[in-house]
Protein backbone atom coordinates (compact mmCIF):
# COMPACT_ATOMS: atom_id res chain seq x y z
CA MET A 1 56.63 -38.42 107.69
CA ASP A 2 56.47 -42.18 106.95
CA LEU A 3 60.05 -42.92 106.12
CA THR A 4 59.63 -46.53 105.63
CA ARG A 5 56.64 -46.22 103.20
CA ASP A 6 58.53 -43.61 101.17
CA GLU A 7 61.63 -45.65 101.14
CA GLN A 8 59.80 -49.03 99.83
CA THR A 9 58.02 -46.67 97.16
CA VAL A 10 61.48 -45.25 95.96
CA ARG A 11 63.13 -48.58 96.02
CA ALA A 12 60.54 -50.29 94.00
CA GLY A 13 59.50 -47.55 91.63
CA PHE A 14 62.50 -45.11 90.94
CA TRP A 15 64.43 -47.21 88.64
CA PRO A 16 61.50 -48.36 86.21
CA LYS A 17 60.18 -44.69 86.23
CA LEU A 18 63.40 -43.26 85.35
CA GLY A 19 63.95 -45.90 82.44
CA LYS A 20 60.62 -44.61 81.11
CA VAL A 21 60.98 -40.88 81.15
CA PHE A 22 64.88 -40.09 81.68
CA ALA A 23 65.25 -38.53 78.12
CA SER A 24 62.14 -36.29 78.73
CA ILE A 25 62.90 -34.89 82.19
CA PRO A 26 65.83 -32.12 82.45
CA PHE A 27 66.37 -32.85 85.90
CA ALA A 28 67.28 -36.44 85.44
CA GLU A 29 70.88 -35.98 86.93
CA ASP A 30 69.45 -34.29 90.11
CA ALA A 31 67.08 -36.88 90.55
CA VAL A 32 69.53 -39.99 90.38
CA ALA A 33 72.10 -37.79 92.60
CA ALA A 34 69.23 -37.52 95.19
CA TYR A 35 68.41 -41.04 95.05
CA TYR A 36 72.21 -42.17 95.62
CA CYS A 37 72.28 -39.58 98.70
CA ALA A 38 68.95 -40.84 100.18
CA PHE A 39 70.48 -44.48 100.24
CA ASP A 40 73.86 -43.32 101.30
CA ARG A 41 74.48 -44.72 104.85
CA ALA A 42 76.40 -41.36 105.85
CA THR A 43 73.38 -39.15 104.95
CA PRO A 44 71.56 -37.90 108.10
CA LEU A 45 68.13 -39.38 108.83
CA LYS A 46 66.45 -35.80 108.11
CA VAL A 47 67.99 -35.31 104.99
CA LYS A 48 66.87 -39.05 103.78
CA GLY A 49 63.15 -38.10 104.70
CA VAL A 50 63.19 -34.90 102.66
CA LEU A 51 64.61 -36.81 99.65
CA LEU A 52 62.45 -39.75 100.07
CA GLY A 53 59.43 -37.82 100.28
CA ALA A 54 60.53 -35.76 97.00
CA LEU A 55 61.39 -39.05 94.94
CA ALA A 56 58.33 -40.73 96.14
CA TYR A 57 56.28 -37.77 94.75
CA PHE A 58 58.38 -38.49 91.45
CA VAL A 59 57.59 -42.10 91.41
CA LEU A 60 54.03 -42.27 92.17
CA PRO A 61 51.44 -42.10 89.18
CA LEU A 62 48.97 -39.85 90.73
CA ASP A 63 50.21 -36.24 91.43
CA ALA A 64 49.12 -32.74 90.92
CA VAL A 65 50.05 -32.43 87.37
CA PRO A 66 49.63 -36.04 85.64
CA ASP A 67 53.13 -36.85 84.08
CA PHE A 68 51.52 -37.73 80.67
CA LEU A 69 50.72 -34.04 79.86
CA LEU A 70 53.18 -33.20 77.11
CA GLY A 71 55.36 -30.15 78.55
CA LEU A 72 54.01 -29.94 81.72
CA GLY A 73 53.82 -33.47 83.07
CA PHE A 74 56.86 -33.19 85.18
CA THR A 75 57.09 -29.62 86.29
CA ASP A 76 55.30 -30.44 89.55
CA ASP A 77 57.81 -33.42 89.91
CA MET A 78 60.73 -31.24 89.21
CA ALA A 79 59.46 -28.42 91.40
CA VAL A 80 59.30 -30.73 94.70
CA LEU A 81 62.54 -32.57 94.06
CA LEU A 82 64.39 -29.25 93.28
CA ALA A 83 62.92 -27.68 96.42
CA ALA A 84 64.11 -30.67 98.35
CA ILE A 85 67.42 -30.55 96.88
CA SER A 86 67.91 -26.80 97.66
CA MET A 87 66.97 -27.64 101.34
CA ILE A 88 69.62 -30.03 101.86
CA ARG A 89 72.13 -29.28 98.82
CA THR A 90 75.15 -29.36 101.10
CA HIS A 91 74.34 -33.27 101.76
CA ILE A 92 74.58 -34.29 98.16
CA ARG A 93 78.09 -34.57 97.59
CA PRO A 94 80.08 -34.90 94.30
CA GLU A 95 80.28 -38.49 94.42
CA HIS A 96 76.43 -38.83 94.33
CA TYR A 97 76.53 -36.63 91.07
CA ASP A 98 79.43 -38.68 89.85
CA LYS A 99 77.52 -41.71 90.18
CA ALA A 100 74.56 -40.19 88.71
CA ARG A 101 76.25 -39.22 85.66
CA GLU A 102 77.76 -42.68 84.96
CA THR A 103 74.49 -44.25 85.52
CA LEU A 104 72.73 -41.90 83.11
CA ALA A 105 75.54 -42.43 80.49
CA ARG A 106 75.16 -46.34 80.80
CA LEU A 107 71.30 -45.83 80.25
CA LYS A 108 71.74 -43.55 77.31
CA THR A 109 73.67 -46.49 75.72
CA GLY A 110 71.11 -49.00 76.40
CA GLY A 111 72.84 -50.20 79.61
CA LYS A 112 70.95 -51.36 82.65
CA LEU A 113 69.75 -49.50 85.29
CA THR A 114 70.89 -50.37 88.99
CA ALA A 115 70.79 -48.86 92.59
């Protein structure tokens, strides 16, 4: 596992990608909560590794099913992310989801995305 590379990939690409696609992905809240959990100092290193790997898969433009395929493009991203979340669900705390909902509400009203 290359945690540093995945962390750099996610830090650089998560918000731009989310800004482009959040309206068309049903797992946006989970993705943002996973992001906040992955960068929470209290999150154990193994959990961070699982989440950063899944989020890096979401961010990277080339994956098993290209994202531009209407209706199918994000199914693999969703499967990877939800599998990761199910493995570490107890570490994504309510405050991560609260912050995710606040961020998505701000995005829906034209607000700026921030970490």
